[in-house]
């Protein structure tokens, strides 16, 4: 296919206070074998935003969306999605190196598989080259379970063909822009953590598959060991509570909130006192938001029921 006939892909690269990593990330994008691309760097406001802007000016193919505040992963990515004009949008971050043929491989997969809503590469650690993520399975039961396929394993060819999963990392996704617009992107009230899981659940409920394409590869710089951060703990807890209320089977909710709410709080009092305040703050945030989340869940269920009924009527009328 000639370049002129290929669909435009918008690349949204989210950046926050890491100008030293941004340059190699951009180098990997301008060297992509796939064309045409538009590269959108979204910078969440930080003390290093001026340095981020200077790096972006070195790349004529890239344009900068400079947020006036830190909107988190969810809000930052949504800004880029709104600025995108391609048929497809590829989401990445400033600490990810994208293999030269990654986007080309993912686009080829989506072009022939209209039932796939999101396609993702295998993500490796940049240093040791072991697998960081080959997608995973999410189980919202009484105990929260997320299995990340291949994590920590060397690549021995165990993932030879494309396969469907229930979740993929938000920092390495190719999706159809129309679908992401229809779903309104990530939930901005999540800010960061679990926002990619929540999006994947909505994609699946919309009837689309989520697929890992092993021939596509990216490499993630390993983060250092970070000290305890009460803000991050707050987001982790409130988002997990919200994820369950929005998507988990109703029958598991009492066990889950007893286990992670009441018992989790009592355990924190004894073994992790520094997390007591962010946990309490997250619980209060969740209780305030819960009525709206319940209404949202009910409305989505009604929409799904109507769509299912209309589909069944159309099927019956044609038979």
C-alpha atoms as a PDB file:
ATOM      1  CA  UNK A   1       0.000   0.000   0.000  1.00  0.00           C
ATOM      2  CA  UNK A   2       1.306   3.435  -0.919  1.00  0.00           C
ATOM      3  CA  UNK A   3       1.953   5.901   1.900  1.00  0.00           C
ATOM      4  CA  UNK A   4      -0.705   8.197   0.464  1.00  0.00           C
ATOM      5  CA  UNK A   5      -3.276   5.394   0.831  1.00  0.00           C
ATOM      6  CA  UNK A   6      -2.394   4.487   4.412  1.00  0.00           C
ATOM      7  CA  UNK A   7      -4.544   5.757   7.288  1.00  0.00           C
ATOM      8  CA  UNK A   8      -3.017   8.523   9.381  1.00  0.00           C
ATOM      9  CA  UNK A   9      -1.856   7.430  12.834  1.00  0.00           C
ATOM     10  CA  UNK A  10      -1.724  10.003  15.615  1.00  0.00           C
ATOM     11  CA  UNK A  11       0.889   9.252  18.274  1.00  0.00           C
ATOM     12  CA  UNK A  12       0.166  10.717  21.702  1.00  0.00           C
ATOM     13  CA  UNK A  13       3.281  10.810  23.883  1.00  0.00           C
ATOM     14  CA  UNK A  14       2.599  11.795  27.490  1.00  0.00           C
ATOM     15  CA  UNK A  15       5.440  13.600  29.246  1.00  0.00           C
ATOM     16  CA  UNK A  16       5.984  14.672  32.837  1.00  0.00           C
ATOM     17  CA  UNK A  17       9.224  16.063  34.283  1.00  0.00           C
ATOM     18  CA  UNK A  18      11.557  13.682  32.425  1.00  0.00           C
ATOM     19  CA  UNK A  19      13.299  15.636  29.649  1.00  0.00           C
ATOM     20  CA  UNK A  20      16.268  13.243  29.740  1.00  0.00           C
ATOM     21  CA  UNK A  21      13.971  10.372  28.712  1.00  0.00           C
ATOM     22  CA  UNK A  22      11.840  12.330  26.260  1.00  0.00           C
ATOM     23  CA  UNK A  23      14.563  12.605  23.609  1.00  0.00           C
ATOM     24  CA  UNK A  24      15.165   8.852  23.117  1.00  0.00           C
ATOM     25  CA  UNK A  25      11.408   8.301  23.168  1.00  0.00           C
ATOM     26  CA  UNK A  26      10.942  10.847  20.369  1.00  0.00           C
ATOM     27  CA  UNK A  27      13.915   9.425  18.458  1.00  0.00           C
ATOM     28  CA  UNK A  28      12.141   6.066  18.390  1.00  0.00           C
ATOM     29  CA  UNK A  29       8.970   7.652  17.016  1.00  0.00           C
ATOM     30  CA  UNK A  30      10.500   9.685  14.197  1.00  0.00           C
ATOM     31  CA  UNK A  31      12.274   6.499  13.041  1.00  0.00           C
ATOM     32  CA  UNK A  32       9.057   4.478  12.720  1.00  0.00           C
ATOM     33  CA  UNK A  33       8.727   2.476   9.521  1.00  0.00           C
ATOM     34  CA  UNK A  34       5.031   3.424   9.376  1.00  0.00           C
ATOM     35  CA  UNK A  35       3.980   6.641   7.671  1.00  0.00           C
ATOM     36  CA  UNK A  36       2.014   8.903   7.808  1.00  0.00           C
ATOM     37  CA  UNK A  37       2.299   9.802  11.497  1.00  0.00           C
ATOM     38  CA  UNK A  38       1.467  12.878  13.489  1.00  0.00           C
ATOM     39  CA  UNK A  39       3.327  13.091  16.804  1.00  0.00           C
ATOM     40  CA  UNK A  40       1.663  14.936  19.676  1.00  0.00           C
ATOM     41  CA  UNK A  41       3.662  15.460  22.870  1.00  0.00           C
ATOM     42  CA  UNK A  42       1.397  16.228  25.812  1.00  0.00           C
ATOM     43  CA  UNK A  43       3.275  17.773  28.730  1.00  0.00           C
ATOM     44  CA  UNK A  44       1.702  17.704  32.156  1.00  0.00           C
ATOM     45  CA  UNK A  45       2.837  20.888  33.891  1.00  0.00           C
ATOM     46  CA  UNK A  46       5.922  20.500  36.098  1.00  0.00           C
ATOM     47  CA  UNK A  47       9.003  22.457  37.149  1.00  0.00           C
ATOM     48  CA  UNK A  48      10.751  20.995  34.087  1.00  0.00           C
ATOM     49  CA  UNK A  49       8.135  21.962  31.504  1.00  0.00           C
ATOM     50  CA  UNK A  50      10.401  24.576  29.920  1.00  0.00           C
ATOM     51  CA  UNK A  51      13.033  21.890  29.318  1.00  0.00           C
ATOM     52  CA  UNK A  52      10.387  19.597  27.861  1.00  0.00           C
ATOM     53  CA  UNK A  53       9.386  22.342  25.416  1.00  0.00           C
ATOM     54  CA  UNK A  54      13.007  22.830  24.340  1.00  0.00           C
ATOM     55  CA  UNK A  55      13.353  19.128  23.564  1.00  0.00           C
ATOM     56  CA  UNK A  56      10.170  19.102  21.473  1.00  0.00           C
ATOM     57  CA  UNK A  57      11.366  22.069  19.377  1.00  0.00           C
ATOM     58  CA  UNK A  58      14.231  19.861  18.153  1.00  0.00           C
ATOM     59  CA  UNK A  59      11.686  17.624  16.377  1.00  0.00           C
ATOM     60  CA  UNK A  60       9.854  19.374  13.513  1.00  0.00           C
ATOM     61  CA  UNK A  61       7.540  16.374  13.147  1.00  0.00           C
ATOM     62  CA  UNK A  62       6.266  16.783  16.717  1.00  0.00           C
ATOM     63  CA  UNK A  63       3.938  19.368  18.200  1.00  0.00           C
ATOM     64  CA  UNK A  64       3.496  20.215  21.844  1.00  0.00           C
ATOM     65  CA  UNK A  65       0.307  20.361  23.870  1.00  0.00           C
ATOM     66  CA  UNK A  66       1.349  22.098  27.091  1.00  0.00           C
ATOM     67  CA  UNK A  67      -1.110  21.568  29.922  1.00  0.00           C
ATOM     68  CA  UNK A  68      -1.369  24.398  32.430  1.00  0.00           C
ATOM     69  CA  UNK A  69      -1.499  21.865  35.253  1.00  0.00           C
ATOM     70  CA  UNK A  70      -0.724  18.226  35.902  1.00  0.00           C
ATOM     71  CA  UNK A  71      -3.817  16.365  34.691  1.00  0.00           C
ATOM     72  CA  UNK A  72      -2.439  12.932  35.530  1.00  0.00           C
ATOM     73  CA  UNK A  73      -2.176  10.052  33.109  1.00  0.00           C
ATOM     74  CA  UNK A  74      -5.897  10.006  32.310  1.00  0.00           C
ATOM     75  CA  UNK A  75      -6.371  13.721  31.712  1.00  0.00           C
ATOM     76  CA  UNK A  76      -3.074  14.099  29.878  1.00  0.00           C
ATOM     77  CA  UNK A  77      -3.804  11.269  27.473  1.00  0.00           C
ATOM     78  CA  UNK A  78      -7.314  12.591  26.872  1.00  0.00           C
ATOM     79  CA  UNK A  79      -5.871  15.964  25.841  1.00  0.00           C
ATOM     80  CA  UNK A  80      -3.776  14.193  23.240  1.00  0.00           C
ATOM     81  CA  UNK A  81      -6.695  12.085  22.025  1.00  0.00           C
ATOM     82  CA  UNK A  82      -8.765  15.257  21.539  1.00  0.00           C
ATOM     83  CA  UNK A  83      -5.918  16.844  19.565  1.00  0.00           C
ATOM     84  CA  UNK A  84      -5.486  13.779  17.330  1.00  0.00           C
ATOM     85  CA  UNK A  85      -6.771  13.698  13.770  1.00  0.00           C
ATOM     86  CA  UNK A  86      -5.741  10.211  12.641  1.00  0.00           C
ATOM     87  CA  UNK A  87      -7.841   7.149  11.945  1.00  0.00           C
ATOM     88  CA  UNK A  88      -5.845   5.411  14.665  1.00  0.00           C
ATOM     89  CA  UNK A  89      -4.161   6.754  17.787  1.00  0.00           C
ATOM     90  CA  UNK A  90      -1.128   5.204  19.449  1.00  0.00           C
ATOM     91  CA  UNK A  91      -0.589   5.989  23.135  1.00  0.00           C
ATOM     92  CA  UNK A  92       2.871   6.011  24.679  1.00  0.00           C
ATOM     93  CA  UNK A  93       4.948   7.750  27.379  1.00  0.00           C
ATOM     94  CA  UNK A  94       8.282   9.491  27.682  1.00  0.00           C
ATOM     95  CA  UNK A  95       9.924   6.469  29.339  1.00  0.00           C
ATOM     96  CA  UNK A  96       9.060   4.061  26.500  1.00  0.00           C
ATOM     97  CA  UNK A  97      11.167   3.275  23.429  1.00  0.00           C
ATOM     98  CA  UNK A  98       9.022   2.129  20.501  1.00  0.00           C
ATOM     99  CA  UNK A  99      10.540  -0.476  18.176  1.00  0.00           C
ATOM    100  CA  UNK A 100      10.878   0.719  14.584  1.00  0.00           C
ATOM    101  CA  UNK A 101       8.167  -1.605  13.227  1.00  0.00           C
ATOM    102  CA  UNK A 102       5.835  -1.509  16.214  1.00  0.00           C
ATOM    103  CA  UNK A 103       3.191   0.872  14.891  1.00  0.00           C
ATOM    104  CA  UNK A 104       3.277  -0.650  11.418  1.00  0.00           C
ATOM    105  CA  UNK A 105       2.665  -4.108  12.879  1.00  0.00           C
ATOM    106  CA  UNK A 106      -0.220  -2.952  15.065  1.00  0.00           C
ATOM    107  CA  UNK A 107      -1.904  -1.021  12.259  1.00  0.00           C
ATOM    108  CA  UNK A 108      -1.678  -4.060   9.963  1.00  0.00           C
ATOM    109  CA  UNK A 109      -3.435  -6.113  12.635  1.00  0.00           C
ATOM    110  CA  UNK A 110      -6.289  -3.653  13.156  1.00  0.00           C
ATOM    111  CA  UNK A 111      -6.772  -3.087   9.432  1.00  0.00           C
ATOM    112  CA  UNK A 112      -7.801  -6.710   8.874  1.00  0.00           C
ATOM    113  CA  UNK A 113      -9.572  -7.277  12.206  1.00  0.00           C
ATOM    114  CA  UNK A 114     -12.450  -4.820  12.651  1.00  0.00           C
ATOM    115  CA  UNK A 115     -13.599  -6.655  15.805  1.00  0.00           C
ATOM    116  CA  UNK A 116     -10.403  -5.584  17.600  1.00  0.00           C
ATOM    117  CA  UNK A 117     -10.769  -2.289  19.427  1.00  0.00           C
ATOM    118  CA  UNK A 118      -7.328  -2.076  21.043  1.00  0.00           C
ATOM    119  CA  UNK A 119      -4.046  -3.691  19.985  1.00  0.00           C
ATOM    120  CA  UNK A 120      -0.913  -3.688  22.105  1.00  0.00           C
ATOM    121  CA  UNK A 121       2.722  -4.726  21.716  1.00  0.00           C
ATOM    122  CA  UNK A 122       4.725  -6.820  24.130  1.00  0.00           C
ATOM    123  CA  UNK A 123       6.476  -4.509  26.581  1.00  0.00           C
ATOM    124  CA  UNK A 124      10.045  -5.323  27.663  1.00  0.00           C
ATOM    125  CA  UNK A 125      12.360  -3.861  30.275  1.00  0.00           C
ATOM    126  CA  UNK A 126      14.874  -1.601  28.566  1.00  0.00           C
ATOM    127  CA  UNK A 127      17.864  -2.853  30.586  1.00  0.00           C
ATOM    128  CA  UNK A 128      17.527  -6.612  30.981  1.00  0.00           C
ATOM    129  CA  UNK A 129      15.208  -7.137  27.981  1.00  0.00           C
ATOM    130  CA  UNK A 130      12.912  -9.379  30.007  1.00  0.00           C
ATOM    131  CA  UNK A 131       9.186  -9.171  29.388  1.00  0.00           C
ATOM    132  CA  UNK A 132       7.439  -6.519  31.428  1.00  0.00           C
ATOM    133  CA  UNK A 133       3.936  -7.155  30.112  1.00  0.00           C
ATOM    134  CA  UNK A 134       2.265  -9.216  27.426  1.00  0.00           C
ATOM    135  CA  UNK A 135      -1.154  -8.017  28.445  1.00  0.00           C
ATOM    136  CA  UNK A 136      -3.109  -9.772  31.127  1.00  0.00           C
ATOM    137  CA  UNK A 137      -6.312 -11.028  32.653  1.00  0.00           C
ATOM    138  CA  UNK A 138      -8.380  -9.009  35.079  1.00  0.00           C
ATOM    139  CA  UNK A 139     -10.703 -10.741  37.540  1.00  0.00           C
ATOM    140  CA  UNK A 140     -13.013  -8.593  39.653  1.00  0.00           C
ATOM    141  CA  UNK A 141     -13.976 -11.195  42.248  1.00  0.00           C
ATOM    142  CA  UNK A 142     -14.181 -10.954  46.036  1.00  0.00           C
ATOM    143  CA  UNK A 143     -10.389 -10.837  45.859  1.00  0.00           C
ATOM    144  CA  UNK A 144      -8.944  -8.557  43.188  1.00  0.00           C
ATOM    145  CA  UNK A 145      -6.753 -10.488  40.767  1.00  0.00           C
ATOM    146  CA  UNK A 146      -4.698  -9.214  37.871  1.00  0.00           C
ATOM    147  CA  UNK A 147      -2.384 -11.592  36.050  1.00  0.00           C
ATOM    148  CA  UNK A 148       0.273  -9.985  33.840  1.00  0.00           C
ATOM    149  CA  UNK A 149       1.382 -12.474  31.201  1.00  0.00           C
ATOM    150  CA  UNK A 150       5.123 -13.029  30.825  1.00  0.00           C
ATOM    151  CA  UNK A 151       6.135 -10.590  33.576  1.00  0.00           C
ATOM    152  CA  UNK A 152       9.811 -11.111  34.488  1.00  0.00           C
ATOM    153  CA  UNK A 153      10.325 -13.850  31.916  1.00  0.00           C
ATOM    154  CA  UNK A 154      12.938 -13.892  29.143  1.00  0.00           C
ATOM    155  CA  UNK A 155      11.401 -13.996  25.687  1.00  0.00           C
ATOM    156  CA  UNK A 156      11.832 -17.610  24.547  1.00  0.00           C
ATOM    157  CA  UNK A 157       9.136 -17.421  21.885  1.00  0.00           C
ATOM    158  CA  UNK A 158       6.360 -18.342  24.321  1.00  0.00           C
ATOM    159  CA  UNK A 159       4.123 -15.744  22.646  1.00  0.00           C
ATOM    160  CA  UNK A 160       4.277 -16.735  19.003  1.00  0.00           C
ATOM    161  CA  UNK A 161       0.883 -15.539  17.778  1.00  0.00           C
ATOM    162  CA  UNK A 162      -1.539 -12.742  18.529  1.00  0.00           C
ATOM    163  CA  UNK A 163      -3.912 -13.471  21.400  1.00  0.00           C
ATOM    164  CA  UNK A 164      -6.814 -11.770  23.154  1.00  0.00           C
ATOM    165  CA  UNK A 165      -6.582 -10.463  26.707  1.00  0.00           C
ATOM    166  CA  UNK A 166      -8.780  -8.448  29.041  1.00  0.00           C
ATOM    167  CA  UNK A 167      -6.290  -5.679  29.858  1.00  0.00           C
ATOM    168  CA  UNK A 168      -3.175  -4.012  28.440  1.00  0.00           C
ATOM    169  CA  UNK A 169      -0.919  -1.199  29.755  1.00  0.00           C
ATOM    170  CA  UNK A 170      -2.165   2.271  28.879  1.00  0.00           C
ATOM    171  CA  UNK A 171       1.362   3.330  27.886  1.00  0.00           C
ATOM    172  CA  UNK A 172       1.391   1.068  24.812  1.00  0.00           C
ATOM    173  CA  UNK A 173      -1.945   0.942  22.980  1.00  0.00           C
ATOM    174  CA  UNK A 174      -3.100   1.405  19.397  1.00  0.00           C
ATOM    175  CA  UNK A 175      -6.808   2.091  19.122  1.00  0.00           C
ATOM    176  CA  UNK A 176      -9.386   3.394  16.702  1.00  0.00           C
ATOM    177  CA  UNK A 177      -9.806   7.112  17.331  1.00  0.00           C
ATOM    178  CA  UNK A 178     -13.557   6.928  16.686  1.00  0.00           C
ATOM    179  CA  UNK A 179     -13.923   4.279  19.397  1.00  0.00           C
ATOM    180  CA  UNK A 180     -11.881   6.254  21.923  1.00  0.00           C
ATOM    181  CA  UNK A 181     -13.940   9.358  21.199  1.00  0.00           C
ATOM    182  CA  UNK A 182     -17.171   7.392  21.621  1.00  0.00           C
ATOM    183  CA  UNK A 183     -15.960   6.026  24.962  1.00  0.00           C
ATOM    184  CA  UNK A 184     -14.689   9.495  25.977  1.00  0.00           C
ATOM    185  CA  UNK A 185     -11.201   8.189  26.552  1.00  0.00           C
ATOM    186  CA  UNK A 186      -9.929   7.533  30.049  1.00  0.00           C
ATOM    187  CA  UNK A 187     -11.863   8.444  33.184  1.00  0.00           C
ATOM    188  CA  UNK A 188     -10.263  11.688  34.306  1.00  0.00           C
ATOM    189  CA  UNK A 189     -11.452  11.291  37.905  1.00  0.00           C
ATOM    190  CA  UNK A 190      -9.082   8.296  38.120  1.00  0.00           C
ATOM    191  CA  UNK A 191      -6.118  10.659  37.460  1.00  0.00           C
ATOM    192  CA  UNK A 192      -3.642   7.743  37.474  1.00  0.00           C
ATOM    193  CA  UNK A 193      -3.582   4.016  38.321  1.00  0.00           C
ATOM    194  CA  UNK A 194      -6.190   1.549  37.029  1.00  0.00           C
ATOM    195  CA  UNK A 195      -7.392   4.019  34.383  1.00  0.00           C
ATOM    196  CA  UNK A 196      -6.167   1.626  31.667  1.00  0.00           C
ATOM    197  CA  UNK A 197      -7.973  -1.327  33.302  1.00  0.00           C
ATOM    198  CA  UNK A 198     -11.189   0.689  33.427  1.00  0.00           C
ATOM    199  CA  UNK A 199     -10.903   1.685  29.764  1.00  0.00           C
ATOM    200  CA  UNK A 200     -10.254  -1.921  28.743  1.00  0.00           C
ATOM    201  CA  UNK A 201     -13.382  -3.064  30.585  1.00  0.00           C
ATOM    202  CA  UNK A 202     -15.474  -0.498  28.706  1.00  0.00           C
ATOM    203  CA  UNK A 203     -13.928  -1.505  25.385  1.00  0.00           C
ATOM    204  CA  UNK A 204     -14.822  -5.133  26.058  1.00  0.00           C
ATOM    205  CA  UNK A 205     -18.372  -4.233  27.115  1.00  0.00           C
ATOM    206  CA  UNK A 206     -18.727  -2.355  23.832  1.00  0.00           C
ATOM    207  CA  UNK A 207     -18.190  -5.653  22.028  1.00  0.00           C
ATOM    208  CA  UNK A 208     -14.579  -5.160  20.910  1.00  0.00           C
ATOM    209  CA  UNK A 209     -11.594  -7.413  21.459  1.00  0.00           C
ATOM    210  CA  UNK A 210      -8.319  -6.400  23.089  1.00  0.00           C
ATOM    211  CA  UNK A 211      -5.358  -8.101  21.447  1.00  0.00           C
ATOM    212  CA  UNK A 212      -1.643  -8.430  22.107  1.00  0.00           C
ATOM    213  CA  UNK A 213       0.440  -8.625  18.914  1.00  0.00           C
ATOM    214  CA  UNK A 214       3.815 -10.200  19.850  1.00  0.00           C
ATOM    215  CA  UNK A 215       5.577  -9.048  16.663  1.00  0.00           C
ATOM    216  CA  UNK A 216       5.168  -5.473  17.933  1.00  0.00           C
ATOM    217  CA  UNK A 217       7.598  -4.480  20.696  1.00  0.00           C
ATOM    218  CA  UNK A 218       8.346  -1.588  23.032  1.00  0.00           C
ATOM    219  CA  UNK A 219      10.980  -1.125  25.748  1.00  0.00           C
ATOM    220  CA  UNK A 220      10.228   0.523  29.082  1.00  0.00           C
ATOM    221  CA  UNK A 221      12.891   2.174  31.231  1.00  0.00           C
ATOM    222  CA  UNK A 222      12.789   0.571  34.669  1.00  0.00           C
ATOM    223  CA  UNK A 223      11.644   3.065  37.310  1.00  0.00           C
ATOM    224  CA  UNK A 224      13.731   3.417  40.437  1.00  0.00           C
ATOM    225  CA  UNK A 225      12.452   2.419  43.858  1.00  0.00           C
ATOM    226  CA  UNK A 226      10.210   5.284  44.902  1.00  0.00           C
ATOM    227  CA  UNK A 227       9.485   6.233  48.520  1.00  0.00           C
ATOM    228  CA  UNK A 228       5.954   5.989  49.854  1.00  0.00           C
ATOM    229  CA  UNK A 229       3.765   8.687  48.302  1.00  0.00           C
ATOM    230  CA  UNK A 230       0.472   9.443  50.038  1.00  0.00           C
ATOM    231  CA  UNK A 231      -1.022  11.006  46.879  1.00  0.00           C
ATOM    232  CA  UNK A 232      -0.364   7.892  44.819  1.00  0.00           C
ATOM    233  CA  UNK A 233      -1.736   5.685  47.591  1.00  0.00           C
ATOM    234  CA  UNK A 234      -4.891   7.810  47.609  1.00  0.00           C
ATOM    235  CA  UNK A 235      -5.414   7.348  43.872  1.00  0.00           C
ATOM    236  CA  UNK A 236      -4.715   3.609  43.977  1.00  0.00           C
ATOM    237  CA  UNK A 237      -7.334   2.985  46.651  1.00  0.00           C
ATOM    238  CA  UNK A 238     -10.112   5.259  45.383  1.00  0.00           C
ATOM    239  CA  UNK A 239      -9.676   3.951  41.832  1.00  0.00           C
ATOM    240  CA  UNK A 240      -9.834   0.315  42.897  1.00  0.00           C
ATOM    241  CA  UNK A 241     -13.017   0.986  44.879  1.00  0.00           C
ATOM    242  CA  UNK A 242     -14.516   2.847  41.895  1.00  0.00           C
ATOM    243  CA  UNK A 243     -13.473   0.175  39.399  1.00  0.00           C
ATOM    244  CA  UNK A 244     -15.449  -2.415  41.345  1.00  0.00           C
ATOM    245  CA  UNK A 245     -18.573  -0.320  41.722  1.00  0.00           C
ATOM    246  CA  UNK A 246     -18.570   0.431  37.990  1.00  0.00           C
ATOM    247  CA  UNK A 247     -17.746  -3.018  36.643  1.00  0.00           C
ATOM    248  CA  UNK A 248     -17.658  -5.897  39.151  1.00  0.00           C
ATOM    249  CA  UNK A 249     -20.543  -8.390  39.490  1.00  0.00           C
ATOM    250  CA  UNK A 250     -22.937  -7.136  42.171  1.00  0.00           C
ATOM    251  CA  UNK A 251     -22.652 -10.377  44.141  1.00  0.00           C
ATOM    252  CA  UNK A 252     -18.953  -9.806  44.914  1.00  0.00           C
ATOM    253  CA  UNK A 253     -19.252  -6.221  46.157  1.00  0.00           C
ATOM    254  CA  UNK A 254     -20.007  -6.989  49.848  1.00  0.00           C
ATOM    255  CA  UNK A 255     -17.007  -9.319  50.164  1.00  0.00           C
ATOM    256  CA  UNK A 256     -14.715  -6.956  48.273  1.00  0.00           C
ATOM    257  CA  UNK A 257     -15.529  -3.831  50.303  1.00  0.00           C
ATOM    258  CA  UNK A 258     -15.322  -5.780  53.554  1.00  0.00           C
ATOM    259  CA  UNK A 259     -11.927  -7.185  52.573  1.00  0.00           C
ATOM    260  CA  UNK A 260     -10.312  -4.072  51.063  1.00  0.00           C
ATOM    261  CA  UNK A 261     -12.273  -1.402  52.893  1.00  0.00           C
ATOM    262  CA  UNK A 262     -12.874  -2.415  56.510  1.00  0.00           C
ATOM    263  CA  UNK A 263     -10.256  -5.149  56.985  1.00  0.00           C
ATOM    264  CA  UNK A 264      -7.721  -3.291  54.824  1.00  0.00           C
ATOM    265  CA  UNK A 265      -8.099  -0.190  56.980  1.00  0.00           C
ATOM    266  CA  UNK A 266      -7.651  -2.157  60.217  1.00  0.00           C
ATOM    267  CA  UNK A 267      -4.532  -3.838  58.862  1.00  0.00           C
ATOM    268  CA  UNK A 268      -3.099  -0.473  57.840  1.00  0.00           C
ATOM    269  CA  UNK A 269      -3.519   0.804  61.393  1.00  0.00           C
ATOM    270  CA  UNK A 270      -1.214  -1.963  62.591  1.00  0.00           C
ATOM    271  CA  UNK A 271       1.277  -2.593  59.803  1.00  0.00           C
ATOM    272  CA  UNK A 272       1.313   0.513  57.586  1.00  0.00           C
ATOM    273  CA  UNK A 273       0.299   3.578  59.590  1.00  0.00           C
ATOM    274  CA  UNK A 274       1.548   6.016  56.921  1.00  0.00           C
ATOM    275  CA  UNK A 275      -1.210   4.769  54.614  1.00  0.00           C
ATOM    276  CA  UNK A 276      -4.040   5.329  57.108  1.00  0.00           C
ATOM    277  CA  UNK A 277      -4.720   8.955  56.140  1.00  0.00           C
ATOM    278  CA  UNK A 278      -4.648   8.454  52.328  1.00  0.00           C
ATOM    279  CA  UNK A 279      -6.800   5.343  52.801  1.00  0.00           C
ATOM    280  CA  UNK A 280      -9.315   7.283  54.890  1.00  0.00           C
ATOM    281  CA  UNK A 281      -9.265  10.162  52.408  1.00  0.00           C
ATOM    282  CA  UNK A 282      -9.808   7.732  49.504  1.00  0.00           C
ATOM    283  CA  UNK A 283     -12.740   6.110  51.316  1.00  0.00           C
ATOM    284  CA  UNK A 284     -14.406   9.480  51.910  1.00  0.00           C
ATOM    285  CA  UNK A 285     -13.857  10.464  48.260  1.00  0.00           C
ATOM    286  CA  UNK A 286     -15.399   7.175  47.156  1.00  0.00           C
ATOM    287  CA  UNK A 287     -18.427   7.479  49.433  1.00  0.00           C
ATOM    288  CA  UNK A 288     -19.084  10.970  48.054  1.00  0.00           C
ATOM    289  CA  UNK A 289     -18.791   9.741  44.441  1.00  0.00           C
ATOM    290  CA  UNK A 290     -20.574   6.403  44.893  1.00  0.00           C
ATOM    291  CA  UNK A 291     -24.143   7.581  44.099  1.00  0.00           C
ATOM    292  CA  UNK A 292     -23.001   9.011  40.769  1.00  0.00           C
ATOM    293  CA  UNK A 293     -21.066   5.844  39.950  1.00  0.00           C
ATOM    294  CA  UNK A 294     -24.141   3.710  40.690  1.00  0.00           C
ATOM    295  CA  UNK A 295     -26.269   5.874  38.392  1.00  0.00           C
ATOM    296  CA  UNK A 296     -23.619   5.628  35.668  1.00  0.00           C
ATOM    297  CA  UNK A 297     -23.530   1.850  35.985  1.00  0.00           C
ATOM    298  CA  UNK A 298     -27.329   1.635  35.791  1.00  0.00           C
ATOM    299  CA  UNK A 299     -27.471   3.856  32.699  1.00  0.00           C
ATOM    300  CA  UNK A 300     -24.856   1.774  30.908  1.00  0.00           C
ATOM    301  CA  UNK A 301     -26.768  -1.382  31.748  1.00  0.00           C
ATOM    302  CA  UNK A 302     -29.951   0.121  30.274  1.00  0.00           C
ATOM    303  CA  UNK A 303     -28.130   1.145  27.090  1.00  0.00           C
ATOM    304  CA  UNK A 304     -26.639  -2.349  26.728  1.00  0.00           C
ATOM    305  CA  UNK A 305     -30.063  -3.908  27.273  1.00  0.00           C
ATOM    306  CA  UNK A 306     -31.663  -1.699  24.599  1.00  0.00           C
ATOM    307  CA  UNK A 307     -28.878  -2.435  22.123  1.00  0.00           C
ATOM    308  CA  UNK A 308     -29.190  -6.161  22.798  1.00  0.00           C
ATOM    309  CA  UNK A 309     -32.982  -6.032  22.350  1.00  0.00           C
ATOM    310  CA  UNK A 310     -32.736  -4.077  19.083  1.00  0.00           C
ATOM    311  CA  UNK A 311     -30.123  -6.507  17.807  1.00  0.00           C
ATOM    312  CA  UNK A 312     -32.306  -9.509  18.632  1.00  0.00           C
ATOM    313  CA  UNK A 313     -35.332  -7.924  16.931  1.00  0.00           C
ATOM    314  CA  UNK A 314     -33.314  -7.234  13.800  1.00  0.00           C
ATOM    315  CA  UNK A 315     -32.093 -10.833  13.824  1.00  0.00           C
ATOM    316  CA  UNK A 316     -35.619 -12.184  14.235  1.00  0.00           C
ATOM    317  CA  UNK A 317     -37.031  -9.976  11.467  1.00  0.00           C
ATOM    318  CA  UNK A 318     -34.379 -11.151   9.017  1.00  0.00           C
ATOM    319  CA  UNK A 319     -34.969 -14.851   9.743  1.00  0.00           C
END
